[in-house]
Amino acid sequence: MRVYIGPGPNHDRLDQPGMVGLSQWIGGDALGLEEQMGTLVGLNYTADTWKTNVWMDMDRPEIIVYEDTTARSDHASFQDNLGTVTVGFGGLVDGYWCYHQTCDTLDEMEDWMDTTGKDYGEENTGVSNLVNSLDMITWWALMTFFHCDEKPVLNAIE
């Protein structure tokens, strides 16, 4: 799973440390995913900088938090027109040839996410993996919303 934050015009440093930190806290502390999480920042990034870990040094954890240098169409209007920071979630769409195609059905997603009988450690059906993923994203987004409603995280880029 990916938690992507923008705007982040640079690959080699964090431009939105407030939202990155909030996402790390929500995933690690609030949702208990600290063992599965890492932060991705540029190729020359060191683990001491920003007190985060390099994705590659952590044996590519299942959940990465990173700043995206491009904005998806539904994020660009908020980043560009309102000058605000955005957060999004991804995972299934990476390499999923049916994304936004006529074959993009619930049955196809369940088949795509099936790990039963595969060498992924825990074996789960596509239904359980899809439900668990949507559950985790829903809680992550809800906690982000509640936090930002109480104490907004402002765009750090001037």
N, C-alpha and C. Protein backbone atom coordinates (compact mmCIF):
# COMPACT_ATOMS: atom_id res chain seq x y z
N MET A 1 0.84 -1.17 0.00
CA MET A 1 0.00 0.00 0.00
C MET A 1 0.89 1.24 0.00
N ARG A 2 0.41 2.26 -0.66
CA ARG A 2 1.12 3.53 -0.72
C ARG A 2 0.28 4.62 -0.07
N VAL A 3 0.93 5.46 0.72
CA VAL A 3 0.32 6.68 1.23
C VAL A 3 1.13 7.80 0.61
N TYR A 4 0.54 8.50 -0.36
CA TYR A 4 1.30 9.53 -1.07
C TYR A 4 0.77 10.91 -0.72
N ILE A 5 1.73 11.83 -0.57
CA ILE A 5 1.45 13.17 -0.08
C ILE A 5 1.96 14.17 -1.11
N GLY A 6 1.25 15.24 -1.30
CA GLY A 6 1.69 16.26 -2.25
C GLY A 6 1.19 17.63 -1.82
N PRO A 7 1.71 18.67 -2.35
CA PRO A 7 2.76 18.63 -3.35
C PRO A 7 4.12 18.37 -2.72
N GLY A 8 4.94 17.65 -3.44
CA GLY A 8 6.31 17.35 -3.03
C GLY A 8 7.20 17.41 -4.25
N PRO A 9 7.69 18.58 -4.62
CA PRO A 9 8.40 18.72 -5.89
C PRO A 9 9.79 18.07 -5.93
N ASN A 10 10.30 17.58 -4.82
CA ASN A 10 11.65 17.01 -4.78
C ASN A 10 11.61 15.55 -4.35
N HIS A 11 12.44 14.73 -4.99
CA HIS A 11 12.54 13.33 -4.58
C HIS A 11 13.51 13.13 -3.42
N ASP A 12 14.44 14.07 -3.25
CA ASP A 12 15.54 13.85 -2.32
C ASP A 12 15.36 14.48 -0.94
N ARG A 13 14.21 15.08 -0.69
CA ARG A 13 13.96 15.63 0.65
C ARG A 13 12.45 15.70 0.88
N LEU A 14 12.09 15.81 2.13
CA LEU A 14 10.68 15.95 2.48
C LEU A 14 10.28 17.41 2.42
N ASP A 15 9.31 17.73 1.58
CA ASP A 15 8.81 19.08 1.47
C ASP A 15 7.59 19.32 2.36
N GLN A 16 6.94 18.24 2.77
CA GLN A 16 5.73 18.33 3.60
C GLN A 16 5.93 17.50 4.87
N PRO A 17 6.88 17.88 5.74
CA PRO A 17 7.17 17.05 6.92
C PRO A 17 5.99 16.92 7.88
N GLY A 18 5.12 17.93 7.93
CA GLY A 18 3.96 17.85 8.82
C GLY A 18 3.01 16.73 8.44
N MET A 19 2.66 16.64 7.16
CA MET A 19 1.74 15.60 6.72
C MET A 19 2.42 14.23 6.70
N VAL A 20 3.70 14.19 6.36
CA VAL A 20 4.44 12.92 6.41
C VAL A 20 4.46 12.41 7.84
N GLY A 21 4.78 13.29 8.78
CA GLY A 21 4.81 12.90 10.19
C GLY A 21 3.46 12.43 10.69
N LEU A 22 2.40 13.12 10.31
CA LEU A 22 1.05 12.70 10.70
C LEU A 22 0.74 11.32 10.14
N SER A 23 1.07 11.10 8.88
CA SER A 23 0.81 9.79 8.26
C SER A 23 1.62 8.69 8.92
N GLN A 24 2.86 8.98 9.28
CA GLN A 24 3.67 8.00 10.00
C GLN A 24 3.06 7.68 11.36
N TRP A 25 2.59 8.70 12.05
CA TRP A 25 1.99 8.48 13.36
C TRP A 25 0.71 7.65 13.25
N ILE A 26 -0.15 8.01 12.32
CA ILE A 26 -1.41 7.28 12.16
C ILE A 26 -1.14 5.82 11.83
N GLY A 27 -0.28 5.57 10.85
CA GLY A 27 0.01 4.19 10.46
C GLY A 27 0.75 3.41 11.53
N GLY A 28 1.74 4.05 12.15
CA GLY A 28 2.58 3.34 13.12
C GLY A 28 1.96 3.21 14.48
N ASP A 29 1.55 4.33 15.05
CA ASP A 29 1.06 4.32 16.42
C ASP A 29 -0.43 4.00 16.50
N ALA A 30 -1.23 4.72 15.76
CA ALA A 30 -2.68 4.56 15.87
C ALA A 30 -3.18 3.24 15.28
N LEU A 31 -2.62 2.83 14.13
CA LEU A 31 -3.07 1.59 13.49
C LEU A 31 -2.17 0.39 13.78
N GLY A 32 -1.04 0.62 14.46
CA GLY A 32 -0.15 -0.47 14.84
C GLY A 32 0.59 -1.13 13.69
N LEU A 33 0.91 -0.37 12.65
CA LEU A 33 1.55 -0.93 11.46
C LEU A 33 3.03 -0.57 11.38
N GLU A 34 3.62 -0.15 12.50
CA GLU A 34 5.01 0.32 12.47
C GLU A 34 5.99 -0.71 11.91
N GLU A 35 5.73 -1.99 12.09
CA GLU A 35 6.63 -3.04 11.58
C GLU A 35 6.52 -3.18 10.06
N GLN A 36 5.41 -2.78 9.47
CA GLN A 36 5.18 -2.92 8.04
C GLN A 36 5.40 -1.64 7.26
N MET A 37 5.79 -0.56 7.96
CA MET A 37 5.83 0.76 7.34
C MET A 37 7.25 1.28 7.13
N GLY A 38 7.40 2.08 6.10
CA GLY A 38 8.64 2.80 5.85
C GLY A 38 8.34 4.09 5.12
N THR A 39 9.33 4.98 5.07
CA THR A 39 9.18 6.24 4.36
C THR A 39 10.18 6.27 3.23
N LEU A 40 9.74 6.63 2.06
CA LEU A 40 10.59 6.67 0.88
C LEU A 40 10.94 8.11 0.54
N VAL A 41 12.25 8.39 0.53
CA VAL A 41 12.74 9.71 0.12
C VAL A 41 14.01 9.48 -0.66
N GLY A 42 14.05 9.87 -1.92
CA GLY A 42 15.23 9.84 -2.78
C GLY A 42 16.25 8.74 -2.61
N LEU A 43 17.11 8.57 -3.58
CA LEU A 43 18.11 7.52 -3.57
C LEU A 43 19.27 7.80 -2.62
N ASN A 44 19.62 9.06 -2.40
CA ASN A 44 20.76 9.39 -1.55
C ASN A 44 20.34 9.72 -0.12
N TYR A 45 19.19 9.31 0.26
CA TYR A 45 18.63 9.59 1.57
C TYR A 45 19.28 8.72 2.63
N THR A 46 19.54 9.28 3.82
CA THR A 46 20.10 8.49 4.92
C THR A 46 19.05 8.33 6.01
N ALA A 47 19.12 7.23 6.74
CA ALA A 47 18.11 6.90 7.74
C ALA A 47 18.08 7.90 8.89
N ASP A 48 19.18 8.63 9.12
CA ASP A 48 19.21 9.59 10.22
C ASP A 48 18.44 10.87 9.91
N THR A 49 18.34 11.22 8.63
CA THR A 49 17.65 12.44 8.23
C THR A 49 16.16 12.28 8.45
N TRP A 50 15.54 13.24 9.08
CA TRP A 50 14.10 13.28 9.36
C TRP A 50 13.62 12.12 10.24
N LYS A 51 14.56 11.33 10.79
CA LYS A 51 14.23 10.21 11.67
C LYS A 51 13.24 9.24 11.03
N THR A 52 13.41 8.99 9.76
CA THR A 52 12.62 8.00 9.05
C THR A 52 13.55 6.97 8.44
N ASN A 53 13.01 5.98 7.78
CA ASN A 53 13.81 4.92 7.20
C ASN A 53 13.65 4.88 5.70
N VAL A 54 14.72 4.51 5.03
CA VAL A 54 14.71 4.37 3.59
C VAL A 54 13.99 3.08 3.24
N TRP A 55 13.13 3.16 2.24
CA TRP A 55 12.35 2.00 1.81
C TRP A 55 13.24 0.83 1.46
N MET A 56 14.29 1.08 0.69
CA MET A 56 15.19 0.01 0.27
C MET A 56 15.93 -0.61 1.45
N ASP A 57 16.33 0.20 2.43
CA ASP A 57 17.05 -0.32 3.59
C ASP A 57 16.16 -1.17 4.49
N MET A 58 14.86 -1.01 4.36
CA MET A 58 13.92 -1.76 5.21
C MET A 58 13.37 -2.99 4.49
N ASP A 59 14.06 -3.44 3.46
CA ASP A 59 13.61 -4.61 2.71
C ASP A 59 12.22 -4.40 2.15
N ARG A 60 11.97 -3.19 1.65
CA ARG A 60 10.72 -2.81 0.99
C ARG A 60 9.47 -3.19 1.80
N PRO A 61 9.17 -2.42 2.81
CA PRO A 61 8.00 -2.73 3.64
C PRO A 61 6.70 -2.67 2.83
N GLU A 62 5.68 -3.29 3.38
CA GLU A 62 4.40 -3.38 2.69
C GLU A 62 3.70 -2.04 2.55
N ILE A 63 3.98 -1.10 3.43
CA ILE A 63 3.33 0.21 3.41
C ILE A 63 4.41 1.28 3.33
N ILE A 64 4.33 2.12 2.30
CA ILE A 64 5.29 3.21 2.19
C ILE A 64 4.56 4.55 2.24
N VAL A 65 5.17 5.49 2.92
CA VAL A 65 4.71 6.87 2.98
C VAL A 65 5.72 7.67 2.17
N TYR A 66 5.25 8.44 1.22
CA TYR A 66 6.16 9.23 0.42
C TYR A 66 5.46 10.45 -0.15
N GLU A 67 6.27 11.40 -0.58
CA GLU A 67 5.75 12.58 -1.27
C GLU A 67 5.80 12.32 -2.76
N ASP A 68 4.71 12.61 -3.43
CA ASP A 68 4.62 12.39 -4.87
C ASP A 68 4.92 13.69 -5.59
N THR A 69 5.78 13.62 -6.58
CA THR A 69 6.15 14.82 -7.33
C THR A 69 5.13 15.15 -8.42
N THR A 70 4.20 14.26 -8.66
CA THR A 70 3.12 14.54 -9.61
C THR A 70 1.79 14.43 -8.89
N ALA A 71 0.84 15.18 -9.32
CA ALA A 71 -0.48 15.15 -8.69
C ALA A 71 -1.46 14.44 -9.61
N ARG A 72 -2.20 13.50 -9.04
CA ARG A 72 -3.28 12.89 -9.80
C ARG A 72 -4.29 13.99 -10.10
N SER A 73 -5.10 13.78 -11.10
CA SER A 73 -6.02 14.82 -11.54
C SER A 73 -6.94 15.29 -10.41
N ASP A 74 -7.35 14.39 -9.54
CA ASP A 74 -8.24 14.80 -8.47
C ASP A 74 -7.50 15.48 -7.31
N HIS A 75 -6.18 15.43 -7.30
CA HIS A 75 -5.41 16.13 -6.27
C HIS A 75 -4.90 17.47 -6.78
N ALA A 76 -4.63 17.55 -8.07
CA ALA A 76 -4.02 18.75 -8.64
C ALA A 76 -4.84 20.00 -8.38
N SER A 77 -6.16 19.90 -8.47
CA SER A 77 -6.98 21.09 -8.26
C SER A 77 -6.85 21.61 -6.83
N PHE A 78 -6.69 20.72 -5.86
CA PHE A 78 -6.51 21.17 -4.48
C PHE A 78 -5.11 21.73 -4.27
N GLN A 79 -4.11 21.05 -4.81
CA GLN A 79 -2.73 21.51 -4.65
C GLN A 79 -2.48 22.81 -5.38
N ASP A 80 -2.93 22.90 -6.62
CA ASP A 80 -2.64 24.08 -7.43
C ASP A 80 -3.58 25.24 -7.15
N ASN A 81 -4.87 24.99 -7.17
CA ASN A 81 -5.85 26.07 -7.04
C ASN A 81 -6.02 26.55 -5.60
N LEU A 82 -5.95 25.64 -4.65
CA LEU A 82 -6.16 26.02 -3.25
C LEU A 82 -4.85 26.13 -2.47
N GLY A 83 -3.76 25.62 -3.05
CA GLY A 83 -2.47 25.67 -2.37
C GLY A 83 -2.43 24.85 -1.10
N THR A 84 -3.11 23.73 -1.10
CA THR A 84 -3.17 22.90 0.09
C THR A 84 -2.41 21.59 -0.10
N VAL A 85 -2.12 20.94 0.99
CA VAL A 85 -1.45 19.64 0.95
C VAL A 85 -2.52 18.55 0.84
N THR A 86 -2.21 17.49 0.10
CA THR A 86 -3.17 16.39 -0.07
C THR A 86 -2.53 15.08 0.36
N VAL A 87 -3.38 14.11 0.65
CA VAL A 87 -2.92 12.75 0.96
C VAL A 87 -3.81 11.78 0.18
N GLY A 88 -3.20 10.75 -0.35
CA GLY A 88 -3.94 9.74 -1.11
C GLY A 88 -3.42 8.35 -0.80
N PHE A 89 -4.13 7.37 -1.26
CA PHE A 89 -3.79 5.97 -0.99
C PHE A 89 -3.78 5.21 -2.30
N GLY A 90 -2.86 4.27 -2.43
CA GLY A 90 -2.79 3.46 -3.64
C GLY A 90 -2.26 2.09 -3.33
N GLY A 91 -2.33 1.26 -4.32
CA GLY A 91 -1.81 -0.09 -4.16
C GLY A 91 -2.27 -0.99 -5.27
N LEU A 92 -3.56 -1.25 -5.32
CA LEU A 92 -4.11 -2.16 -6.32
C LEU A 92 -3.89 -1.65 -7.72
N VAL A 93 -3.88 -0.35 -7.92
CA VAL A 93 -3.75 0.20 -9.26
C VAL A 93 -2.36 0.00 -9.85
N ASP A 94 -1.36 -0.25 -9.01
CA ASP A 94 0.00 -0.44 -9.51
C ASP A 94 0.10 -1.77 -10.24
N GLY A 95 0.22 -1.71 -11.55
CA GLY A 95 0.32 -2.91 -12.34
C GLY A 95 -1.01 -3.59 -12.63
N TYR A 96 -2.08 -3.03 -12.17
CA TYR A 96 -3.42 -3.59 -12.35
C TYR A 96 -3.97 -3.09 -13.68
N TRP A 97 -3.96 -3.94 -14.68
CA TRP A 97 -4.31 -3.53 -16.04
C TRP A 97 -5.78 -3.15 -16.22
N CYS A 98 -6.62 -3.46 -15.26
CA CYS A 98 -8.05 -3.14 -15.40
C CYS A 98 -8.43 -1.78 -14.79
N TYR A 99 -7.48 -1.07 -14.19
CA TYR A 99 -7.78 0.20 -13.54
C TYR A 99 -8.45 1.15 -14.54
N HIS A 100 -9.67 1.58 -14.20
CA HIS A 100 -10.48 2.47 -15.02
C HIS A 100 -10.81 1.90 -16.40
N GLN A 101 -10.84 0.58 -16.50
CA GLN A 101 -11.22 -0.09 -17.74
C GLN A 101 -12.55 -0.81 -17.51
N THR A 102 -13.15 -1.33 -18.56
CA THR A 102 -14.43 -2.05 -18.41
C THR A 102 -14.27 -3.33 -17.59
N CYS A 103 -13.07 -3.90 -17.53
CA CYS A 103 -12.86 -5.12 -16.74
C CYS A 103 -12.64 -4.82 -15.26
N ASP A 104 -12.65 -3.54 -14.85
CA ASP A 104 -12.43 -3.14 -13.47
C ASP A 104 -13.69 -3.42 -12.64
N THR A 105 -13.84 -4.68 -12.28
CA THR A 105 -15.02 -5.12 -11.53
C THR A 105 -14.60 -5.66 -10.17
N LEU A 106 -15.55 -5.83 -9.29
CA LEU A 106 -15.26 -6.38 -7.97
C LEU A 106 -14.68 -7.79 -8.10
N ASP A 107 -15.24 -8.60 -8.98
CA ASP A 107 -14.70 -9.96 -9.19
C ASP A 107 -13.25 -9.92 -9.63
N GLU A 108 -12.91 -9.01 -10.53
CA GLU A 108 -11.52 -8.90 -11.01
C GLU A 108 -10.59 -8.46 -9.89
N MET A 109 -11.02 -7.47 -9.08
CA MET A 109 -10.20 -7.02 -7.95
C MET A 109 -9.99 -8.15 -6.94
N GLU A 110 -11.05 -8.90 -6.66
CA GLU A 110 -10.91 -10.02 -5.71
C GLU A 110 -9.94 -11.07 -6.24
N ASP A 111 -10.00 -11.36 -7.53
CA ASP A 111 -9.08 -12.31 -8.14
C ASP A 111 -7.65 -11.78 -8.09
N TRP A 112 -7.48 -10.50 -8.39
CA TRP A 112 -6.17 -9.86 -8.39
C TRP A 112 -5.53 -9.89 -7.00
N MET A 113 -6.34 -9.75 -5.96
CA MET A 113 -5.81 -9.66 -4.59
C MET A 113 -5.77 -11.00 -3.86
N ASP A 114 -6.10 -12.07 -4.54
CA ASP A 114 -6.09 -13.40 -3.92
C ASP A 114 -4.66 -13.84 -3.65
N THR A 115 -4.36 -14.21 -2.41
CA THR A 115 -3.04 -14.73 -2.04
C THR A 115 -3.12 -16.17 -1.55
N THR A 116 -4.26 -16.80 -1.71
CA THR A 116 -4.43 -18.18 -1.28
C THR A 116 -3.51 -19.08 -2.10
N GLY A 117 -2.72 -19.87 -1.42
CA GLY A 117 -1.84 -20.81 -2.10
C GLY A 117 -0.59 -20.19 -2.69
N LYS A 118 -0.38 -18.90 -2.49
CA LYS A 118 0.81 -18.23 -3.00
C LYS A 118 1.79 -18.03 -1.86
N ASP A 119 3.01 -17.79 -2.17
CA ASP A 119 4.06 -17.66 -1.16
C ASP A 119 4.17 -16.21 -0.66
N TYR A 120 3.14 -15.75 0.06
CA TYR A 120 3.13 -14.40 0.61
C TYR A 120 3.13 -14.40 2.14
N GLY A 121 3.47 -15.50 2.76
CA GLY A 121 3.41 -15.57 4.22
C GLY A 121 2.02 -15.94 4.65
N GLU A 122 1.18 -14.92 4.89
CA GLU A 122 -0.22 -15.18 5.25
C GLU A 122 -1.03 -15.41 4.00
N GLU A 123 -1.84 -16.44 4.02
CA GLU A 123 -2.69 -16.72 2.87
C GLU A 123 -4.11 -16.24 3.16
N ASN A 124 -4.63 -15.42 2.28
CA ASN A 124 -5.99 -14.90 2.41
C ASN A 124 -6.66 -14.90 1.05
N THR A 125 -7.96 -14.95 1.08
CA THR A 125 -8.71 -14.85 -0.17
C THR A 125 -8.67 -13.41 -0.66
N GLY A 126 -8.99 -13.23 -1.93
CA GLY A 126 -9.07 -11.89 -2.48
C GLY A 126 -10.10 -11.04 -1.78
N VAL A 127 -11.20 -11.66 -1.37
CA VAL A 127 -12.25 -10.94 -0.65
C VAL A 127 -11.71 -10.41 0.67
N SER A 128 -11.04 -11.26 1.46
CA SER A 128 -10.55 -10.81 2.76
C SER A 128 -9.44 -9.76 2.60
N ASN A 129 -8.56 -9.93 1.60
CA ASN A 129 -7.52 -8.93 1.38
C ASN A 129 -8.11 -7.59 0.95
N LEU A 130 -9.11 -7.62 0.09
CA LEU A 130 -9.74 -6.38 -0.37
C LEU A 130 -10.48 -5.70 0.79
N VAL A 131 -11.20 -6.45 1.57
CA VAL A 131 -11.92 -5.89 2.72
C VAL A 131 -10.94 -5.31 3.72
N ASN A 132 -9.87 -6.04 4.04
CA ASN A 132 -8.88 -5.54 5.00
C ASN A 132 -8.20 -4.27 4.49
N SER A 133 -7.91 -4.22 3.20
CA SER A 133 -7.27 -3.03 2.62
C SER A 133 -8.19 -1.82 2.70
N LEU A 134 -9.44 -2.01 2.31
CA LEU A 134 -10.39 -0.89 2.36
C LEU A 134 -10.66 -0.45 3.80
N ASP A 135 -10.67 -1.40 4.73
CA ASP A 135 -10.86 -1.08 6.14
C ASP A 135 -9.70 -0.21 6.65
N MET A 136 -8.48 -0.63 6.33
CA MET A 136 -7.32 0.11 6.78
C MET A 136 -7.29 1.51 6.17
N ILE A 137 -7.57 1.64 4.88
CA ILE A 137 -7.57 2.95 4.23
C ILE A 137 -8.66 3.84 4.81
N THR A 138 -9.82 3.27 5.09
CA THR A 138 -10.92 4.05 5.66
C THR A 138 -10.54 4.61 7.02
N TRP A 139 -9.95 3.78 7.90
CA TRP A 139 -9.54 4.26 9.22
C TRP A 139 -8.44 5.30 9.10
N TRP A 140 -7.47 5.06 8.21
CA TRP A 140 -6.36 6.00 8.03
C TRP A 140 -6.90 7.36 7.57
N ALA A 141 -7.78 7.34 6.57
CA ALA A 141 -8.35 8.59 6.05
C ALA A 141 -9.20 9.29 7.12
N LEU A 142 -9.99 8.53 7.86
CA LEU A 142 -10.83 9.11 8.90
C LEU A 142 -9.99 9.77 9.99
N MET A 143 -8.93 9.09 10.42
CA MET A 143 -8.07 9.68 11.46
C MET A 143 -7.35 10.91 10.93
N THR A 144 -6.96 10.90 9.67
CA THR A 144 -6.35 12.09 9.07
C THR A 144 -7.34 13.25 9.06
N PHE A 145 -8.57 12.96 8.65
CA PHE A 145 -9.60 14.00 8.62
C PHE A 145 -9.85 14.57 10.02
N PHE A 146 -10.03 13.70 11.02
CA PHE A 146 -10.30 14.18 12.38
C PHE A 146 -9.14 15.02 12.91
N HIS A 147 -7.91 14.58 12.66
CA HIS A 147 -6.76 15.35 13.13
C HIS A 147 -6.71 16.72 12.45
N CYS A 148 -6.85 16.71 11.11
CA CYS A 148 -6.76 17.97 10.37
C CYS A 148 -7.94 18.90 10.63
N ASP A 149 -9.07 18.33 11.02
CA ASP A 149 -10.22 19.16 11.39
C ASP A 149 -9.93 19.90 12.70
N GLU A 150 -9.20 19.26 13.60
CA GLU A 150 -8.85 19.86 14.89
C GLU A 150 -7.62 20.77 14.77
N LYS A 151 -6.61 20.28 14.06
CA LYS A 151 -5.36 21.03 13.92
C LYS A 151 -4.86 20.84 12.50
N PRO A 152 -5.17 21.75 11.59
CA PRO A 152 -4.80 21.59 10.18
C PRO A 152 -3.29 21.46 9.97
N VAL A 153 -2.90 20.68 8.98
CA VAL A 153 -1.51 20.59 8.55
C VAL A 153 -1.41 21.45 7.29
N LEU A 154 -0.69 22.53 7.40
CA LEU A 154 -0.61 23.48 6.30
C LEU A 154 0.44 23.09 5.28
N ASN A 155 0.26 23.57 4.05
CA ASN A 155 1.21 23.35 2.99
C ASN A 155 2.53 24.01 3.38
N ALA A 156 3.61 23.24 3.43
CA ALA A 156 4.90 23.74 3.87
C ALA A 156 5.69 24.40 2.76
N ILE A 157 5.20 24.31 1.51
CA ILE A 157 5.90 24.92 0.38
C ILE A 157 5.42 26.36 0.21
N GLU A 158 6.39 27.26 0.15
CA GLU A 158 6.03 28.68 0.00
C GLU A 158 6.02 29.09 -1.41
